[in-house]
Amino acid sequence: MVRVKICGISSVADAQLCAQLGAHAIGLNFFPESLRAISPFTAEKIVRELPPFVSTVGIFVNWAPEPVVALSRALGLSFAQLHGDETPQVVSEIAKKIPVIKALRLGQGSRLPAFSKYSEASAFLLDAALAGEFGGTGQTTDWPLAQEAVRSQRIILAGGLTPGNVAEAIATVRPYAVDVASGVESSPGKKDPGKLRAFLLEVERANRS
């Protein structure tokens, strides 16, 4: 079964809707330059109002280990998603204290990254590569390359997924999970209920087939 993470959640209402519709995880963005960035205060309200069994993932870009661990523990986050240029040493240090999802960027026609450098990560999120951006670009990643990665790694597929292409992405790549932000939004950080429903229905359809 392919799982679903809805990223860039910025309100309690959107988080609860995602949970109602069957999302397995939500992403809370702490990268100040992102249009979907929220404060720890807002994140705490969202986490507090979530029902049981919905995982919470903090998105961090090039933070030092200590504040990542401190904020993750204070909020009771399930995972820390490291979405920047973190070194293997930083990943290892954080992973000793909280499960880590390491995000890596794949450009069209690029090579697979050296996953073994981040052996303590619980999973890898593959996103599209765009110069100067750390995700949320709406650009698709290299699906055939991601398919190759799935053979040896737990892969979360991100990058340009929408209700219109997620079933095809799942059939092609067969990832552990899919991750979506801009593809289910009416504006950055504001989720569109219709797109959310359509996306989750398409994932369910792909899982059945």
C-alpha atoms as a PDB file:
ATOM      1  CA  MET A   1       0.000   0.000   0.000  1.00  0.00           C
ATOM      2  CA  VAL A   2       1.349   3.414  -0.988  1.00  0.00           C
ATOM      3  CA  ARG A   3       1.003   5.957   1.795  1.00  0.00           C
ATOM      4  CA  VAL A   4       0.236   9.674   1.466  1.00  0.00           C
ATOM      5  CA  LYS A   5       1.920  12.682   3.051  1.00  0.00           C
ATOM      6  CA  ILE A   6       0.349  16.114   2.552  1.00  0.00           C
ATOM      7  CA  CYS A   7       3.039  18.734   2.972  1.00  0.00           C
ATOM      8  CA  GLY A   8       2.917  22.455   3.704  1.00  0.00           C
ATOM      9  CA  ILE A   9       0.026  22.320   6.162  1.00  0.00           C
ATOM     10  CA  SER A  10      -0.539  25.759   7.677  1.00  0.00           C
ATOM     11  CA  SER A  11      -3.838  25.515   9.583  1.00  0.00           C
ATOM     12  CA  VAL A  12      -5.702  23.241  11.956  1.00  0.00           C
ATOM     13  CA  ALA A  13      -8.620  23.040   9.508  1.00  0.00           C
ATOM     14  CA  ASP A  14      -6.432  21.795   6.665  1.00  0.00           C
ATOM     15  CA  ALA A  15      -4.708  19.273   8.925  1.00  0.00           C
ATOM     16  CA  GLN A  16      -8.026  17.889  10.133  1.00  0.00           C
ATOM     17  CA  LEU A  17      -9.348  17.657   6.574  1.00  0.00           C
ATOM     18  CA  CYS A  18      -6.265  15.709   5.503  1.00  0.00           C
ATOM     19  CA  ALA A  19      -6.777  13.303   8.403  1.00  0.00           C
ATOM     20  CA  GLN A  20     -10.487  12.928   7.610  1.00  0.00           C
ATOM     21  CA  LEU A  21      -9.752  12.084   3.995  1.00  0.00           C
ATOM     22  CA  GLY A  22      -7.223   9.417   4.931  1.00  0.00           C
ATOM     23  CA  ALA A  23      -3.770  11.024   4.720  1.00  0.00           C
ATOM     24  CA  HIS A  24      -1.165   9.072   6.664  1.00  0.00           C
ATOM     25  CA  ALA A  25       1.082  12.044   7.447  1.00  0.00           C
ATOM     26  CA  ILE A  26       1.245  15.824   7.263  1.00  0.00           C
ATOM     27  CA  GLY A  27       4.263  18.060   6.755  1.00  0.00           C
ATOM     28  CA  LEU A  28       4.911  21.192   8.816  1.00  0.00           C
ATOM     29  CA  ASN A  29       7.378  23.540   7.138  1.00  0.00           C
ATOM     30  CA  PHE A  30       9.915  25.445   9.250  1.00  0.00           C
ATOM     31  CA  PHE A  31      11.955  26.857   6.353  1.00  0.00           C
ATOM     32  CA  PRO A  32      11.530  30.652   6.720  1.00  0.00           C
ATOM     33  CA  GLU A  33      11.909  31.345   2.984  1.00  0.00           C
ATOM     34  CA  SER A  34       9.088  28.977   2.022  1.00  0.00           C
ATOM     35  CA  LEU A  35       5.639  30.333   1.208  1.00  0.00           C
ATOM     36  CA  ARG A  36       4.328  27.497   3.372  1.00  0.00           C
ATOM     37  CA  ALA A  37       6.450  28.268   6.443  1.00  0.00           C
ATOM     38  CA  ILE A  38       4.727  28.282   9.830  1.00  0.00           C
ATOM     39  CA  SER A  39       5.827  29.172  13.340  1.00  0.00           C
ATOM     40  CA  PRO A  40       6.374  26.608  16.110  1.00  0.00           C
ATOM     41  CA  PHE A  41       3.344  28.146  17.848  1.00  0.00           C
ATOM     42  CA  THR A  42       1.097  27.396  14.853  1.00  0.00           C
ATOM     43  CA  ALA A  43       2.638  23.941  14.502  1.00  0.00           C
ATOM     44  CA  GLU A  44       1.862  23.167  18.148  1.00  0.00           C
ATOM     45  CA  LYS A  45      -1.811  24.033  17.627  1.00  0.00           C
ATOM     46  CA  ILE A  46      -1.989  21.812  14.549  1.00  0.00           C
ATOM     47  CA  VAL A  47      -0.311  18.843  16.236  1.00  0.00           C
ATOM     48  CA  ARG A  48      -2.538  19.158  19.305  1.00  0.00           C
ATOM     49  CA  GLU A  49      -5.739  18.982  17.237  1.00  0.00           C
ATOM     50  CA  LEU A  50      -4.777  16.024  15.053  1.00  0.00           C
ATOM     51  CA  PRO A  51      -6.484  12.672  15.653  1.00  0.00           C
ATOM     52  CA  PRO A  52      -4.400   9.608  16.590  1.00  0.00           C
ATOM     53  CA  PHE A  53      -2.403   7.646  14.023  1.00  0.00           C
ATOM     54  CA  VAL A  54      -1.580  10.600  11.754  1.00  0.00           C
ATOM     55  CA  SER A  55       2.184  11.129  11.606  1.00  0.00           C
ATOM     56  CA  THR A  56       3.632  14.616  11.842  1.00  0.00           C
ATOM     57  CA  VAL A  57       6.754  15.540   9.892  1.00  0.00           C
ATOM     58  CA  GLY A  58       8.794  18.692  10.487  1.00  0.00           C
ATOM     59  CA  ILE A  59      10.540  20.084   7.402  1.00  0.00           C
ATOM     60  CA  PHE A  60      13.935  21.627   8.147  1.00  0.00           C
ATOM     61  CA  VAL A  61      16.434  23.141   5.728  1.00  0.00           C
ATOM     62  CA  ASN A  62      20.080  23.287   6.823  1.00  0.00           C
ATOM     63  CA  TRP A  63      19.393  23.531  10.554  1.00  0.00           C
ATOM     64  CA  ALA A  64      21.969  22.456  13.110  1.00  0.00           C
ATOM     65  CA  PRO A  65      21.127  19.180  14.872  1.00  0.00           C
ATOM     66  CA  GLU A  66      20.368  20.597  18.304  1.00  0.00           C
ATOM     67  CA  PRO A  67      17.448  22.892  17.342  1.00  0.00           C
ATOM     68  CA  VAL A  68      15.967  20.220  15.032  1.00  0.00           C
ATOM     69  CA  VAL A  69      15.902  17.715  17.876  1.00  0.00           C
ATOM     70  CA  ALA A  70      14.710  20.257  20.437  1.00  0.00           C
ATOM     71  CA  LEU A  71      11.792  21.517  18.336  1.00  0.00           C
ATOM     72  CA  SER A  72      10.830  18.020  17.167  1.00  0.00           C
ATOM     73  CA  ARG A  73      10.702  16.767  20.731  1.00  0.00           C
ATOM     74  CA  ALA A  74       8.865  19.830  22.029  1.00  0.00           C
ATOM     75  CA  LEU A  75       6.152  19.393  19.386  1.00  0.00           C
ATOM     76  CA  GLY A  76       6.086  15.604  19.579  1.00  0.00           C
ATOM     77  CA  LEU A  77       6.856  15.215  15.878  1.00  0.00           C
ATOM     78  CA  SER A  78       7.044  11.746  14.367  1.00  0.00           C
ATOM     79  CA  PHE A  79       9.871  12.541  11.932  1.00  0.00           C
ATOM     80  CA  ALA A  80      12.333  15.265  10.980  1.00  0.00           C
ATOM     81  CA  GLN A  81      12.541  15.763   7.207  1.00  0.00           C
ATOM     82  CA  LEU A  82      15.915  17.233   6.321  1.00  0.00           C
ATOM     83  CA  HIS A  83      15.336  19.026   3.033  1.00  0.00           C
ATOM     84  CA  GLY A  84      18.537  20.967   2.568  1.00  0.00           C
ATOM     85  CA  ASP A  85      22.197  20.186   1.988  1.00  0.00           C
ATOM     86  CA  GLU A  86      22.739  18.462   5.316  1.00  0.00           C
ATOM     87  CA  THR A  87      25.927  16.435   5.638  1.00  0.00           C
ATOM     88  CA  PRO A  88      25.887  12.721   6.464  1.00  0.00           C
ATOM     89  CA  GLN A  89      27.241  13.636   9.907  1.00  0.00           C
ATOM     90  CA  VAL A  90      24.292  15.963  10.599  1.00  0.00           C
ATOM     91  CA  VAL A  91      21.817  13.339   9.393  1.00  0.00           C
ATOM     92  CA  SER A  92      23.432  10.724  11.611  1.00  0.00           C
ATOM     93  CA  GLU A  93      23.448  12.954  14.673  1.00  0.00           C
ATOM     94  CA  ILE A  94      19.759  13.822  14.337  1.00  0.00           C
ATOM     95  CA  ALA A  95      18.741  10.249  13.452  1.00  0.00           C
ATOM     96  CA  LYS A  96      20.119   9.014  16.756  1.00  0.00           C
ATOM     97  CA  LYS A  97      17.423  11.048  18.533  1.00  0.00           C
ATOM     98  CA  ILE A  98      14.474  11.283  16.109  1.00  0.00           C
ATOM     99  CA  PRO A  99      13.661   9.348  12.918  1.00  0.00           C
ATOM    100  CA  VAL A 100      14.906  11.175   9.825  1.00  0.00           C
ATOM    101  CA  ILE A 101      13.566  11.445   6.287  1.00  0.00           C
ATOM    102  CA  LYS A 102      16.371  12.731   4.080  1.00  0.00           C
ATOM    103  CA  ALA A 103      15.219  14.655   1.022  1.00  0.00           C
ATOM    104  CA  LEU A 104      17.351  14.414  -2.099  1.00  0.00           C
ATOM    105  CA  ARG A 105      16.820  16.210  -5.400  1.00  0.00           C
ATOM    106  CA  LEU A 106      16.800  14.431  -8.760  1.00  0.00           C
ATOM    107  CA  GLY A 107      17.146  16.326 -11.997  1.00  0.00           C
ATOM    108  CA  GLN A 108      15.942  14.844 -15.273  1.00  0.00           C
ATOM    109  CA  GLY A 109      18.676  12.549 -16.525  1.00  0.00           C
ATOM    110  CA  SER A 110      20.785  12.827 -13.363  1.00  0.00           C
ATOM    111  CA  ARG A 111      22.293   9.915 -11.458  1.00  0.00           C
ATOM    112  CA  LEU A 112      21.035   8.312  -8.284  1.00  0.00           C
ATOM    113  CA  PRO A 113      22.460   9.927  -5.138  1.00  0.00           C
ATOM    114  CA  ALA A 114      24.758   8.011  -2.807  1.00  0.00           C
ATOM    115  CA  PHE A 115      22.099   6.735  -0.409  1.00  0.00           C
ATOM    116  CA  SER A 116      24.680   4.808   1.591  1.00  0.00           C
ATOM    117  CA  LYS A 117      26.095   8.084   2.917  1.00  0.00           C
ATOM    118  CA  TYR A 118      22.860   8.587   4.843  1.00  0.00           C
ATOM    119  CA  SER A 119      22.423   5.019   6.060  1.00  0.00           C
ATOM    120  CA  GLU A 120      20.755   6.054   9.320  1.00  0.00           C
ATOM    121  CA  ALA A 121      17.842   7.784   7.567  1.00  0.00           C
ATOM    122  CA  SER A 122      14.514   5.963   7.875  1.00  0.00           C
ATOM    123  CA  ALA A 123      13.481   6.880   4.316  1.00  0.00           C
ATOM    124  CA  PHE A 124      14.449   9.082   1.380  1.00  0.00           C
ATOM    125  CA  LEU A 125      12.199  11.686  -0.215  1.00  0.00           C
ATOM    126  CA  LEU A 126      13.021  12.262  -3.882  1.00  0.00           C
ATOM    127  CA  ASP A 127      12.081  15.725  -5.110  1.00  0.00           C
ATOM    128  CA  ALA A 128      12.674  17.644  -8.316  1.00  0.00           C
ATOM    129  CA  ALA A 129      15.925  19.533  -8.740  1.00  0.00           C
ATOM    130  CA  LEU A 130      15.562  23.243  -9.439  1.00  0.00           C
ATOM    131  CA  ALA A 131      18.423  25.664  -8.922  1.00  0.00           C
ATOM    132  CA  GLY A 132      18.069  27.685  -5.728  1.00  0.00           C
ATOM    133  CA  GLU A 133      14.922  25.850  -4.581  1.00  0.00           C
ATOM    134  CA  PHE A 134      14.426  23.329  -1.794  1.00  0.00           C
ATOM    135  CA  GLY A 135      11.109  21.805  -2.905  1.00  0.00           C
ATOM    136  CA  GLY A 136       7.514  22.855  -3.433  1.00  0.00           C
ATOM    137  CA  THR A 137       8.270  23.849  -7.013  1.00  0.00           C
ATOM    138  CA  GLY A 138       5.526  21.871  -8.743  1.00  0.00           C
ATOM    139  CA  GLN A 139       8.141  20.264 -11.039  1.00  0.00           C
ATOM    140  CA  THR A 140       8.181  16.498 -11.480  1.00  0.00           C
ATOM    141  CA  THR A 141      11.218  14.442 -10.631  1.00  0.00           C
ATOM    142  CA  ASP A 142      12.800  11.721 -12.755  1.00  0.00           C
ATOM    143  CA  TRP A 143      10.343   8.812 -12.357  1.00  0.00           C
ATOM    144  CA  PRO A 144      12.458   6.119 -14.067  1.00  0.00           C
ATOM    145  CA  LEU A 145      15.387   7.022 -11.817  1.00  0.00           C
ATOM    146  CA  ALA A 146      13.119   6.973  -8.772  1.00  0.00           C
ATOM    147  CA  GLN A 147      11.877   3.545  -9.885  1.00  0.00           C
ATOM    148  CA  GLU A 148      15.470   2.358  -9.851  1.00  0.00           C
ATOM    149  CA  ALA A 149      15.945   3.711  -6.330  1.00  0.00           C
ATOM    150  CA  VAL A 150      12.882   1.844  -5.049  1.00  0.00           C
ATOM    151  CA  ARG A 151      14.675  -1.445  -5.629  1.00  0.00           C
ATOM    152  CA  SER A 152      16.998  -0.805  -2.703  1.00  0.00           C
ATOM    153  CA  GLN A 153      15.547   2.063  -0.649  1.00  0.00           C
ATOM    154  CA  ARG A 154      12.350   3.166   1.089  1.00  0.00           C
ATOM    155  CA  ILE A 155      11.361   5.987  -1.263  1.00  0.00           C
ATOM    156  CA  ILE A 156       8.838   8.789  -0.809  1.00  0.00           C
ATOM    157  CA  LEU A 157       8.092  10.264  -4.217  1.00  0.00           C
ATOM    158  CA  ALA A 158       7.560  14.028  -4.391  1.00  0.00           C
ATOM    159  CA  GLY A 159       7.733  16.719  -7.031  1.00  0.00           C
ATOM    160  CA  GLY A 160       4.868  17.911  -9.205  1.00  0.00           C
ATOM    161  CA  LEU A 161       2.323  15.288  -8.159  1.00  0.00           C
ATOM    162  CA  THR A 162      -1.341  16.129  -8.773  1.00  0.00           C
ATOM    163  CA  PRO A 163      -4.668  14.280  -8.874  1.00  0.00           C
ATOM    164  CA  GLY A 164      -4.076  13.986 -12.616  1.00  0.00           C
ATOM    165  CA  ASN A 165      -0.744  12.152 -12.486  1.00  0.00           C
ATOM    166  CA  VAL A 166      -0.370  10.489  -9.082  1.00  0.00           C
ATOM    167  CA  ALA A 167      -1.894   7.159 -10.159  1.00  0.00           C
ATOM    168  CA  GLU A 168       0.525   7.003 -13.101  1.00  0.00           C
ATOM    169  CA  ALA A 169       3.410   7.923 -10.796  1.00  0.00           C
ATOM    170  CA  ILE A 170       2.504   5.107  -8.412  1.00  0.00           C
ATOM    171  CA  ALA A 171       2.149   2.588 -11.243  1.00  0.00           C
ATOM    172  CA  THR A 172       5.519   3.643 -12.682  1.00  0.00           C
ATOM    173  CA  VAL A 173       7.634   4.079  -9.551  1.00  0.00           C
ATOM    174  CA  ARG A 174       5.830   1.950  -6.908  1.00  0.00           C
ATOM    175  CA  PRO A 175       7.163   4.082  -4.042  1.00  0.00           C
ATOM    176  CA  TYR A 176       6.693   3.528  -0.335  1.00  0.00           C
ATOM    177  CA  ALA A 177       4.740   6.819  -0.193  1.00  0.00           C
ATOM    178  CA  VAL A 178       3.854   9.912  -2.193  1.00  0.00           C
ATOM    179  CA  ASP A 179       4.222  13.496  -1.018  1.00  0.00           C
ATOM    180  CA  VAL A 180       2.214  16.449  -2.333  1.00  0.00           C
ATOM    181  CA  ALA A 181       2.014  20.180  -1.577  1.00  0.00           C
ATOM    182  CA  SER A 182       1.338  22.535  -4.491  1.00  0.00           C
ATOM    183  CA  GLY A 183      -0.658  19.915  -6.400  1.00  0.00           C
ATOM    184  CA  VAL A 184      -3.540  20.082  -3.905  1.00  0.00           C
ATOM    185  CA  GLU A 185      -3.530  23.822  -3.162  1.00  0.00           C
ATOM    186  CA  SER A 186      -5.652  26.808  -4.042  1.00  0.00           C
ATOM    187  CA  SER A 187      -2.730  29.045  -2.977  1.00  0.00           C
ATOM    188  CA  PRO A 188       0.601  28.328  -1.249  1.00  0.00           C
ATOM    189  CA  GLY A 189      -0.158  26.779   2.138  1.00  0.00           C
ATOM    190  CA  LYS A 190      -3.936  26.695   1.585  1.00  0.00           C
ATOM    191  CA  LYS A 191      -5.244  23.268   0.637  1.00  0.00           C
ATOM    192  CA  ASP A 192      -8.098  22.871  -1.832  1.00  0.00           C
ATOM    193  CA  PRO A 193     -10.672  20.374  -0.476  1.00  0.00           C
ATOM    194  CA  GLY A 194     -11.673  19.181  -3.948  1.00  0.00           C
ATOM    195  CA  LYS A 195      -8.085  18.579  -5.047  1.00  0.00           C
ATOM    196  CA  LEU A 196      -7.289  16.834  -1.766  1.00  0.00           C
ATOM    197  CA  ARG A 197     -10.232  14.460  -2.164  1.00  0.00           C
ATOM    198  CA  ALA A 198      -9.358  13.775  -5.788  1.00  0.00           C
ATOM    199  CA  PHE A 199      -5.700  13.108  -4.948  1.00  0.00           C
ATOM    200  CA  LEU A 200      -6.486  10.647  -2.170  1.00  0.00           C
ATOM    201  CA  LEU A 201      -9.095   8.895  -4.305  1.00  0.00           C
ATOM    202  CA  GLU A 202      -6.545   8.480  -7.092  1.00  0.00           C
ATOM    203  CA  VAL A 203      -4.025   7.006  -4.643  1.00  0.00           C
ATOM    204  CA  GLU A 204      -6.705   4.615  -3.380  1.00  0.00           C
ATOM    205  CA  ARG A 205      -7.503   3.627  -6.962  1.00  0.00           C
ATOM    206  CA  ALA A 206      -3.838   3.027  -7.706  1.00  0.00           C
ATOM    207  CA  ASN A 207      -3.464   0.929  -4.562  1.00  0.00           C
ATOM    208  CA  ARG A 208      -6.405  -1.260  -5.579  1.00  0.00           C
ATOM    209  CA  SER A 209      -4.943  -1.873  -9.009  1.00  0.00           C
END
